[in-house]
Amino acid sequence: MTMFLAEVDQLTKCGDAMSRWVRGPFALFVTIMMAGCGEDTLNQQGTAATTQAFLSEPIGELTQVKPSPALEPSSGDDPLPIAQLGYDQGNQDALVRIVELSDYGCGYCRKFHLETFPVLREEFIETGKVLWKFVPFVNGMFENSLFATEAAECALEQGSLPFEALNERLWSDQASWKRSSEPEPVLRGMAQDAGVDLTEFDTCLNNDNSIDRISSARSTATRLGVRGTPTFYPIGFPPIEGALPTEAFQQVLELMHQEISGVAGN
């Protein structure tokens, strides 16, 4: 676990090292450029020449980030380390570690969570191949997204079960709170259905307990250069921008696992 926290905090310092091609559905090729930080990074061994051209364009469907000064930490405030943000799923000793930044109001993020993530969870997370950190990130494009993120963060304070239940509902019933002129009661009703203790939930919201985590996620995304949601940061590899087709994402994760397994086995 300690190693993962250290690796996550290296994200803002990483540089690119090599490139590979991954075949996806319908002859889609996805470029994954392997990255590393420091002399001891596993994926730096035997790398080819650095290539940056592909990073100039997203490789999947994503919603652009909108500037939102209100969500940035106050001047002089240090954001929380990314290791203290989000929700982890999977084996803490997994070879492949992913940090996902998604906005609850983002349609492409919803598509990923409803169509692709259940497949990845079953095939890679539950089998111990991947440790997945989901960081809720308000990208500034959706008016009610902050309310939904606060609700999710307050549910997370009560543990994994209420968070997972509310998280799933926020994605599946996105339209009900996203289009509402009064999202707070809609979200509170969802929280109640998810088994959240409403007294603690209301206290969390009224005291703005989650604001530091939300603003820190925003600040972290800015430092990482996130241009849209969803964006995925595999530790030791450069980012995957956008919601890839499920089959392409499966092949990307399998390639990463094979690559790390091969290096670790040498």
C-alpha atoms as a PDB file:
ATOM      1  CA  MET A   1       0.000   0.000   0.000  1.00  0.00           C
ATOM      2  CA  THR A   2       2.840   2.380   0.910  1.00  0.00           C
ATOM      3  CA  MET A   3       4.461   1.760  -2.463  1.00  0.00           C
ATOM      4  CA  PHE A   4       1.225   2.604  -4.279  1.00  0.00           C
ATOM      5  CA  LEU A   5       0.821   5.868  -2.366  1.00  0.00           C
ATOM      6  CA  ALA A   6       4.360   6.872  -3.292  1.00  0.00           C
ATOM      7  CA  GLU A   7       3.780   5.968  -6.945  1.00  0.00           C
ATOM      8  CA  VAL A   8       0.544   7.927  -7.084  1.00  0.00           C
ATOM      9  CA  ASP A   9       2.262  11.019  -5.732  1.00  0.00           C
ATOM     10  CA  GLN A  10       4.876  10.762  -8.504  1.00  0.00           C
ATOM     11  CA  LEU A  11       2.242  11.343 -11.183  1.00  0.00           C
ATOM     12  CA  THR A  12       2.863  15.063 -11.443  1.00  0.00           C
ATOM     13  CA  LYS A  13       6.571  14.488 -12.050  1.00  0.00           C
ATOM     14  CA  CYS A  14       6.497  11.714 -14.635  1.00  0.00           C
ATOM     15  CA  GLY A  15       7.965  11.972 -18.128  1.00  0.00           C
ATOM     16  CA  ASP A  16       7.401   9.884 -21.256  1.00  0.00           C
ATOM     17  CA  ALA A  17       9.765   7.126 -22.290  1.00  0.00           C
ATOM     18  CA  MET A  18       8.546   4.790 -25.049  1.00  0.00           C
ATOM     19  CA  SER A  19       5.636   3.945 -27.323  1.00  0.00           C
ATOM     20  CA  ARG A  20       3.637   0.828 -28.207  1.00  0.00           C
ATOM     21  CA  TRP A  21       0.701   0.019 -30.455  1.00  0.00           C
ATOM     22  CA  VAL A  22      -2.401  -1.817 -29.224  1.00  0.00           C
ATOM     23  CA  ARG A  23      -4.989  -3.214 -31.617  1.00  0.00           C
ATOM     24  CA  GLY A  24      -8.594  -2.436 -30.680  1.00  0.00           C
ATOM     25  CA  PRO A  25     -11.953  -3.280 -32.291  1.00  0.00           C
ATOM     26  CA  PHE A  26     -12.560  -2.433 -35.950  1.00  0.00           C
ATOM     27  CA  ALA A  27      -8.807  -2.217 -36.590  1.00  0.00           C
ATOM     28  CA  LEU A  28      -8.513   0.638 -34.081  1.00  0.00           C
ATOM     29  CA  PHE A  29      -4.951   1.208 -32.920  1.00  0.00           C
ATOM     30  CA  VAL A  30      -4.352   2.930 -29.636  1.00  0.00           C
ATOM     31  CA  THR A  31      -0.912   4.308 -28.840  1.00  0.00           C
ATOM     32  CA  ILE A  32       0.227   3.787 -25.281  1.00  0.00           C
ATOM     33  CA  MET A  33       3.444   5.592 -24.460  1.00  0.00           C
ATOM     34  CA  MET A  34       5.266   4.063 -21.544  1.00  0.00           C
ATOM     35  CA  ALA A  35       6.468   6.568 -18.961  1.00  0.00           C
ATOM     36  CA  GLY A  36       8.694   6.521 -15.906  1.00  0.00           C
ATOM     37  CA  CYS A  37      10.057   8.744 -13.140  1.00  0.00           C
ATOM     38  CA  GLY A  38      13.540   8.412 -11.748  1.00  0.00           C
ATOM     39  CA  GLU A  39      16.327   6.002 -12.500  1.00  0.00           C
ATOM     40  CA  ASP A  40      14.716   3.038 -10.735  1.00  0.00           C
ATOM     41  CA  THR A  41      11.392   3.014 -12.623  1.00  0.00           C
ATOM     42  CA  LEU A  42      10.777  -0.463 -14.034  1.00  0.00           C
ATOM     43  CA  ASN A  43       9.392   0.719 -17.363  1.00  0.00           C
ATOM     44  CA  GLN A  44      12.484   2.822 -18.067  1.00  0.00           C
ATOM     45  CA  GLN A  45      14.586  -0.256 -18.740  1.00  0.00           C
ATOM     46  CA  GLY A  46      15.277  -0.782 -22.418  1.00  0.00           C
ATOM     47  CA  THR A  47      12.983   1.996 -23.609  1.00  0.00           C
ATOM     48  CA  ALA A  48      12.941   3.442 -27.103  1.00  0.00           C
ATOM     49  CA  ALA A  49      13.260   7.136 -27.973  1.00  0.00           C
ATOM     50  CA  THR A  50      10.768   9.483 -26.364  1.00  0.00           C
ATOM     51  CA  THR A  51       7.755  10.398 -28.469  1.00  0.00           C
ATOM     52  CA  GLN A  52       5.273  13.109 -27.533  1.00  0.00           C
ATOM     53  CA  ALA A  53       3.250  13.705 -30.688  1.00  0.00           C
ATOM     54  CA  PHE A  54       0.369  11.401 -29.791  1.00  0.00           C
ATOM     55  CA  LEU A  55      -0.278  13.152 -26.474  1.00  0.00           C
ATOM     56  CA  SER A  56      -1.453  16.233 -28.357  1.00  0.00           C
ATOM     57  CA  GLU A  57      -4.845  14.642 -29.087  1.00  0.00           C
ATOM     58  CA  PRO A  58      -7.281  12.574 -26.987  1.00  0.00           C
ATOM     59  CA  ILE A  59      -7.648   8.927 -27.979  1.00  0.00           C
ATOM     60  CA  GLY A  60     -11.211   8.452 -26.687  1.00  0.00           C
ATOM     61  CA  GLU A  61     -14.433  10.370 -26.109  1.00  0.00           C
ATOM     62  CA  LEU A  62     -14.120  13.061 -23.473  1.00  0.00           C
ATOM     63  CA  THR A  63     -15.644  16.312 -22.189  1.00  0.00           C
ATOM     64  CA  GLN A  64     -13.277  19.286 -22.102  1.00  0.00           C
ATOM     65  CA  VAL A  65     -12.317  20.902 -18.800  1.00  0.00           C
ATOM     66  CA  LYS A  66     -13.646  24.404 -18.171  1.00  0.00           C
ATOM     67  CA  PRO A  67     -11.741  26.927 -16.007  1.00  0.00           C
ATOM     68  CA  SER A  68     -13.417  27.260 -12.620  1.00  0.00           C
ATOM     69  CA  PRO A  69     -11.554  29.522 -10.157  1.00  0.00           C
ATOM     70  CA  ALA A  70     -14.161  28.870  -7.465  1.00  0.00           C
ATOM     71  CA  LEU A  71     -13.066  25.230  -7.319  1.00  0.00           C
ATOM     72  CA  GLU A  72      -9.361  25.968  -6.962  1.00  0.00           C
ATOM     73  CA  PRO A  73      -7.737  25.957  -3.501  1.00  0.00           C
ATOM     74  CA  SER A  74      -7.316  29.357  -1.879  1.00  0.00           C
ATOM     75  CA  SER A  75      -3.991  31.086  -2.335  1.00  0.00           C
ATOM     76  CA  GLY A  76      -1.433  29.592   0.007  1.00  0.00           C
ATOM     77  CA  ASP A  77      -3.445  26.412   0.649  1.00  0.00           C
ATOM     78  CA  ASP A  78      -1.673  23.170  -0.196  1.00  0.00           C
ATOM     79  CA  PRO A  79      -3.912  20.609  -1.927  1.00  0.00           C
ATOM     80  CA  LEU A  80      -4.255  17.183  -0.382  1.00  0.00           C
ATOM     81  CA  PRO A  81      -1.939  14.529  -1.879  1.00  0.00           C
ATOM     82  CA  ILE A  82      -3.662  12.507  -4.580  1.00  0.00           C
ATOM     83  CA  ALA A  83      -3.012   9.400  -2.509  1.00  0.00           C
ATOM     84  CA  GLN A  84      -5.539  10.766   0.012  1.00  0.00           C
ATOM     85  CA  LEU A  85      -8.194  11.370  -2.630  1.00  0.00           C
ATOM     86  CA  GLY A  86     -10.721   9.107  -4.280  1.00  0.00           C
ATOM     87  CA  TYR A  87     -11.829   5.535  -3.734  1.00  0.00           C
ATOM     88  CA  ASP A  88      -9.659   2.452  -4.212  1.00  0.00           C
ATOM     89  CA  GLN A  89     -10.817  -0.915  -5.526  1.00  0.00           C
ATOM     90  CA  GLY A  90      -8.740  -4.036  -5.975  1.00  0.00           C
ATOM     91  CA  ASN A  91      -5.626  -5.759  -4.736  1.00  0.00           C
ATOM     92  CA  GLN A  92      -3.215  -3.321  -3.104  1.00  0.00           C
ATOM     93  CA  ASP A  93      -0.344  -5.415  -4.502  1.00  0.00           C
ATOM     94  CA  ALA A  94      -1.653  -5.426  -8.082  1.00  0.00           C
ATOM     95  CA  LEU A  95       0.971  -4.880 -10.764  1.00  0.00           C
ATOM     96  CA  VAL A  96      -1.178  -2.395 -12.707  1.00  0.00           C
ATOM     97  CA  ARG A  97      -2.428   0.692 -10.841  1.00  0.00           C
ATOM     98  CA  ILE A  98      -4.865   3.147 -12.430  1.00  0.00           C
ATOM     99  CA  VAL A  99      -5.967   6.591 -11.268  1.00  0.00           C
ATOM    100  CA  GLU A 100      -9.217   7.713 -12.935  1.00  0.00           C
ATOM    101  CA  LEU A 101     -10.484  11.292 -12.953  1.00  0.00           C
ATOM    102  CA  SER A 102     -14.130  11.530 -13.991  1.00  0.00           C
ATOM    103  CA  ASP A 103     -16.942  14.059 -13.570  1.00  0.00           C
ATOM    104  CA  TYR A 104     -20.340  12.767 -12.424  1.00  0.00           C
ATOM    105  CA  GLY A 105     -22.017  15.075 -14.939  1.00  0.00           C
ATOM    106  CA  CYS A 106     -19.926  13.914 -17.895  1.00  0.00           C
ATOM    107  CA  GLY A 107     -21.822  11.806 -20.420  1.00  0.00           C
ATOM    108  CA  TYR A 108     -18.691  10.009 -21.625  1.00  0.00           C
ATOM    109  CA  CYS A 109     -17.801   9.211 -18.006  1.00  0.00           C
ATOM    110  CA  ARG A 110     -21.282   7.790 -17.518  1.00  0.00           C
ATOM    111  CA  LYS A 111     -20.871   5.677 -20.632  1.00  0.00           C
ATOM    112  CA  PHE A 112     -17.561   4.345 -19.332  1.00  0.00           C
ATOM    113  CA  HIS A 113     -18.960   3.497 -15.899  1.00  0.00           C
ATOM    114  CA  LEU A 114     -22.077   1.794 -17.211  1.00  0.00           C
ATOM    115  CA  GLU A 115     -20.588  -0.070 -20.175  1.00  0.00           C
ATOM    116  CA  THR A 116     -16.842  -0.514 -19.727  1.00  0.00           C
ATOM    117  CA  PHE A 117     -15.971  -0.357 -16.044  1.00  0.00           C
ATOM    118  CA  PRO A 118     -18.115  -3.382 -15.014  1.00  0.00           C
ATOM    119  CA  VAL A 119     -16.169  -5.473 -17.551  1.00  0.00           C
ATOM    120  CA  LEU A 120     -12.806  -4.148 -16.372  1.00  0.00           C
ATOM    121  CA  ARG A 121     -13.767  -4.685 -12.735  1.00  0.00           C
ATOM    122  CA  GLU A 122     -14.678  -8.318 -13.328  1.00  0.00           C
ATOM    123  CA  GLU A 123     -11.732  -9.122 -15.581  1.00  0.00           C
ATOM    124  CA  PHE A 124      -8.923  -7.106 -13.999  1.00  0.00           C
ATOM    125  CA  ILE A 125      -9.832  -5.663 -10.582  1.00  0.00           C
ATOM    126  CA  GLU A 126     -11.578  -8.657  -9.017  1.00  0.00           C
ATOM    127  CA  THR A 127      -8.877 -10.994 -10.340  1.00  0.00           C
ATOM    128  CA  GLY A 128      -6.133  -8.997  -8.635  1.00  0.00           C
ATOM    129  CA  LYS A 129      -4.458  -7.678 -11.769  1.00  0.00           C
ATOM    130  CA  VAL A 130      -5.397  -4.001 -11.321  1.00  0.00           C
ATOM    131  CA  LEU A 131      -5.737  -1.590  -8.410  1.00  0.00           C
ATOM    132  CA  TRP A 132      -8.165   1.160  -9.426  1.00  0.00           C
ATOM    133  CA  LYS A 133      -8.418   4.593  -7.793  1.00  0.00           C
ATOM    134  CA  PHE A 134     -11.450   6.643  -8.808  1.00  0.00           C
ATOM    135  CA  VAL A 135     -11.107  10.372  -8.068  1.00  0.00           C
ATOM    136  CA  PRO A 136     -14.331  12.380  -8.545  1.00  0.00           C
ATOM    137  CA  PHE A 137     -13.327  15.497 -10.461  1.00  0.00           C
ATOM    138  CA  VAL A 138     -15.520  18.527 -11.142  1.00  0.00           C
ATOM    139  CA  ASN A 139     -14.436  19.666 -14.603  1.00  0.00           C
ATOM    140  CA  GLY A 140     -16.524  22.849 -14.527  1.00  0.00           C
ATOM    141  CA  MET A 141     -18.816  22.031 -17.452  1.00  0.00           C
ATOM    142  CA  PHE A 142     -21.898  20.863 -15.550  1.00  0.00           C
ATOM    143  CA  GLU A 143     -23.760  23.128 -13.149  1.00  0.00           C
ATOM    144  CA  ASN A 144     -25.048  20.410 -10.823  1.00  0.00           C
ATOM    145  CA  SER A 145     -21.910  18.279 -10.822  1.00  0.00           C
ATOM    146  CA  LEU A 146     -20.520  19.905  -7.677  1.00  0.00           C
ATOM    147  CA  PHE A 147     -23.654  18.932  -5.737  1.00  0.00           C
ATOM    148  CA  ALA A 148     -23.344  15.316  -6.923  1.00  0.00           C
ATOM    149  CA  THR A 149     -19.649  15.186  -6.062  1.00  0.00           C
ATOM    150  CA  GLU A 150     -20.279  16.566  -2.581  1.00  0.00           C
ATOM    151  CA  ALA A 151     -22.949  13.916  -2.080  1.00  0.00           C
ATOM    152  CA  ALA A 152     -20.593  11.151  -3.199  1.00  0.00           C
ATOM    153  CA  GLU A 153     -17.763  12.398  -0.998  1.00  0.00           C
ATOM    154  CA  CYS A 154     -20.071  12.604   2.025  1.00  0.00           C
ATOM    155  CA  ALA A 155     -21.275   9.063   1.338  1.00  0.00           C
ATOM    156  CA  LEU A 156     -17.647   7.942   1.144  1.00  0.00           C
ATOM    157  CA  GLU A 157     -17.093   9.287   4.671  1.00  0.00           C
ATOM    158  CA  GLN A 158     -19.521   6.582   5.814  1.00  0.00           C
ATOM    159  CA  GLY A 159     -17.672   3.724   4.155  1.00  0.00           C
ATOM    160  CA  SER A 160     -17.439   1.757   0.947  1.00  0.00           C
ATOM    161  CA  LEU A 161     -20.928   0.227   0.864  1.00  0.00           C
ATOM    162  CA  PRO A 162     -22.930   3.478   0.952  1.00  0.00           C
ATOM    163  CA  PHE A 163     -20.468   5.096  -1.425  1.00  0.00           C
ATOM    164  CA  GLU A 164     -20.620   2.290  -3.974  1.00  0.00           C
ATOM    165  CA  ALA A 165     -24.414   2.253  -3.872  1.00  0.00           C
ATOM    166  CA  LEU A 166     -24.709   6.013  -4.349  1.00  0.00           C
ATOM    167  CA  ASN A 167     -21.905   6.108  -6.911  1.00  0.00           C
ATOM    168  CA  GLU A 168     -23.718   3.569  -9.074  1.00  0.00           C
ATOM    169  CA  ARG A 169     -26.969   5.505  -8.771  1.00  0.00           C
ATOM    170  CA  LEU A 170     -25.321   8.811  -9.702  1.00  0.00           C
ATOM    171  CA  TRP A 171     -24.151   7.285 -12.972  1.00  0.00           C
ATOM    172  CA  SER A 172     -27.246   5.279 -13.848  1.00  0.00           C
ATOM    173  CA  ASP A 173     -29.716   8.087 -12.999  1.00  0.00           C
ATOM    174  CA  GLN A 174     -27.497  10.941 -14.102  1.00  0.00           C
ATOM    175  CA  ALA A 175     -30.250  12.785 -15.956  1.00  0.00           C
ATOM    176  CA  SER A 176     -32.519  13.033 -12.887  1.00  0.00           C
ATOM    177  CA  TRP A 177     -30.103  15.168 -10.853  1.00  0.00           C
ATOM    178  CA  LYS A 178     -28.159  16.724 -13.730  1.00  0.00           C
ATOM    179  CA  ARG A 179     -31.235  18.358 -15.266  1.00  0.00           C
ATOM    180  CA  SER A 180     -32.961  19.242 -12.004  1.00  0.00           C
ATOM    181  CA  SER A 181     -33.458  22.868 -10.994  1.00  0.00           C
ATOM    182  CA  GLU A 182     -33.226  21.658  -7.381  1.00  0.00           C
ATOM    183  CA  PRO A 183     -30.597  18.888  -7.354  1.00  0.00           C
ATOM    184  CA  GLU A 184     -30.052  18.801  -3.572  1.00  0.00           C
ATOM    185  CA  PRO A 185     -33.324  17.028  -2.620  1.00  0.00           C
ATOM    186  CA  VAL A 186     -32.937  14.656  -5.567  1.00  0.00           C
ATOM    187  CA  LEU A 187     -29.435  13.705  -4.432  1.00  0.00           C
ATOM    188  CA  ARG A 188     -30.534  13.409  -0.810  1.00  0.00           C
ATOM    189  CA  GLY A 189     -33.235  10.974  -1.871  1.00  0.00           C
ATOM    190  CA  MET A 190     -30.661   8.929  -3.785  1.00  0.00           C
ATOM    191  CA  ALA A 191     -28.411   8.923  -0.722  1.00  0.00           C
ATOM    192  CA  GLN A 192     -31.265   7.649   1.420  1.00  0.00           C
ATOM    193  CA  ASP A 193     -31.982   4.872  -1.083  1.00  0.00           C
ATOM    194  CA  ALA A 194     -28.283   3.959  -1.008  1.00  0.00           C
ATOM    195  CA  GLY A 195     -28.391   3.404   2.755  1.00  0.00           C
ATOM    196  CA  VAL A 196     -26.534   6.576   3.710  1.00  0.00           C
ATOM    197  CA  ASP A 197     -27.108   7.865   7.255  1.00  0.00           C
ATOM    198  CA  LEU A 198     -28.894  11.120   6.463  1.00  0.00           C
ATOM    199  CA  THR A 199     -28.019  12.825   9.744  1.00  0.00           C
ATOM    200  CA  GLU A 200     -24.304  12.358   9.097  1.00  0.00           C
ATOM    201  CA  PHE A 201     -24.829  13.139   5.422  1.00  0.00           C
ATOM    202  CA  ASP A 202     -26.533  16.464   6.163  1.00  0.00           C
ATOM    203  CA  THR A 203     -23.829  17.395   8.668  1.00  0.00           C
ATOM    204  CA  CYS A 204     -21.145  16.646   6.104  1.00  0.00           C
ATOM    205  CA  LEU A 205     -22.849  18.846   3.510  1.00  0.00           C
ATOM    206  CA  ASN A 206     -23.630  21.694   5.906  1.00  0.00           C
ATOM    207  CA  ASN A 207     -20.046  21.761   7.191  1.00  0.00           C
ATOM    208  CA  ASP A 208     -18.520  21.546   3.695  1.00  0.00           C
ATOM    209  CA  ASN A 209     -16.473  18.551   4.827  1.00  0.00           C
ATOM    210  CA  SER A 210     -15.764  17.455   1.268  1.00  0.00           C
ATOM    211  CA  ILE A 211     -14.684  20.776  -0.227  1.00  0.00           C
ATOM    212  CA  ASP A 212     -10.984  20.278   0.501  1.00  0.00           C
ATOM    213  CA  ARG A 213     -11.038  16.920  -1.268  1.00  0.00           C
ATOM    214  CA  ILE A 214     -12.955  18.314  -4.236  1.00  0.00           C
ATOM    215  CA  SER A 215     -10.732  21.362  -4.654  1.00  0.00           C
ATOM    216  CA  SER A 216      -7.618  19.206  -4.198  1.00  0.00           C
ATOM    217  CA  ALA A 217      -8.818  16.889  -6.966  1.00  0.00           C
ATOM    218  CA  ARG A 218      -9.281  19.931  -9.198  1.00  0.00           C
ATOM    219  CA  SER A 219      -5.821  21.242  -8.335  1.00  0.00           C
ATOM    220  CA  THR A 220      -4.246  17.840  -8.921  1.00  0.00           C
ATOM    221  CA  ALA A 221      -5.931  17.570 -12.310  1.00  0.00           C
ATOM    222  CA  THR A 222      -4.571  20.996 -13.232  1.00  0.00           C
ATOM    223  CA  ARG A 223      -1.030  20.008 -12.259  1.00  0.00           C
ATOM    224  CA  LEU A 224      -1.352  16.794 -14.244  1.00  0.00           C
ATOM    225  CA  GLY A 225      -2.540  18.708 -17.297  1.00  0.00           C
ATOM    226  CA  VAL A 226      -5.937  17.000 -17.514  1.00  0.00           C
ATOM    227  CA  ARG A 227      -7.744  18.350 -20.585  1.00  0.00           C
ATOM    228  CA  GLY A 228     -11.026  16.505 -20.283  1.00  0.00           C
ATOM    229  CA  THR A 229     -12.971  13.726 -18.611  1.00  0.00           C
ATOM    230  CA  PRO A 230     -12.616  10.881 -18.299  1.00  0.00           C
ATOM    231  CA  THR A 231      -8.821  10.728 -18.044  1.00  0.00           C
ATOM    232  CA  PHE A 232      -6.937   7.690 -16.747  1.00  0.00           C
ATOM    233  CA  TYR A 233      -3.408   7.653 -15.315  1.00  0.00           C
ATOM    234  CA  PRO A 234      -1.789   4.217 -15.244  1.00  0.00           C
ATOM    235  CA  ILE A 235       1.159   4.385 -12.823  1.00  0.00           C
ATOM    236  CA  GLY A 236       4.353   4.130 -14.879  1.00  0.00           C
ATOM    237  CA  PHE A 237       2.560   4.889 -18.146  1.00  0.00           C
ATOM    238  CA  PRO A 238       1.308   8.114 -19.731  1.00  0.00           C
ATOM    239  CA  PRO A 239      -2.371   9.082 -19.537  1.00  0.00           C
ATOM    240  CA  ILE A 240      -5.265   7.603 -21.476  1.00  0.00           C
ATOM    241  CA  GLU A 241      -7.548  10.460 -22.454  1.00  0.00           C
ATOM    242  CA  GLY A 242     -11.180   9.702 -23.118  1.00  0.00           C
ATOM    243  CA  ALA A 243     -13.561   6.750 -22.888  1.00  0.00           C
ATOM    244  CA  LEU A 244     -12.087   4.005 -25.051  1.00  0.00           C
ATOM    245  CA  PRO A 245     -14.251   1.232 -26.467  1.00  0.00           C
ATOM    246  CA  THR A 246     -14.439  -1.615 -23.960  1.00  0.00           C
ATOM    247  CA  GLU A 247     -12.425  -4.047 -26.071  1.00  0.00           C
ATOM    248  CA  ALA A 248      -9.680  -1.486 -26.599  1.00  0.00           C
ATOM    249  CA  PHE A 249      -9.456  -0.771 -22.869  1.00  0.00           C
ATOM    250  CA  GLN A 250      -9.273  -4.500 -22.128  1.00  0.00           C
ATOM    251  CA  GLN A 251      -6.357  -4.860 -24.511  1.00  0.00           C
ATOM    252  CA  VAL A 252      -4.592  -1.803 -23.098  1.00  0.00           C
ATOM    253  CA  LEU A 253      -4.762  -3.171 -19.534  1.00  0.00           C
ATOM    254  CA  GLU A 254      -3.691  -6.623 -20.657  1.00  0.00           C
ATOM    255  CA  LEU A 255      -0.699  -5.154 -22.469  1.00  0.00           C
ATOM    256  CA  MET A 256       0.295  -3.169 -19.381  1.00  0.00           C
ATOM    257  CA  HIS A 257      -0.014  -6.239 -17.170  1.00  0.00           C
ATOM    258  CA  GLN A 258       2.065  -8.339 -19.560  1.00  0.00           C
ATOM    259  CA  GLU A 259       4.679  -5.587 -19.839  1.00  0.00           C
ATOM    260  CA  ILE A 260       5.065  -5.165 -16.079  1.00  0.00           C
ATOM    261  CA  SER A 261       4.960  -8.934 -15.492  1.00  0.00           C
ATOM    262  CA  GLY A 262       7.741  -9.398 -18.001  1.00  0.00           C
ATOM    263  CA  VAL A 263       9.931  -6.708 -16.475  1.00  0.00           C
ATOM    264  CA  ALA A 264       9.267  -7.915 -12.944  1.00  0.00           C
ATOM    265  CA  GLY A 265      10.109 -11.461 -13.944  1.00  0.00           C
ATOM    266  CA  ASN A 266      13.521 -10.572 -15.347  1.00  0.00           C
END
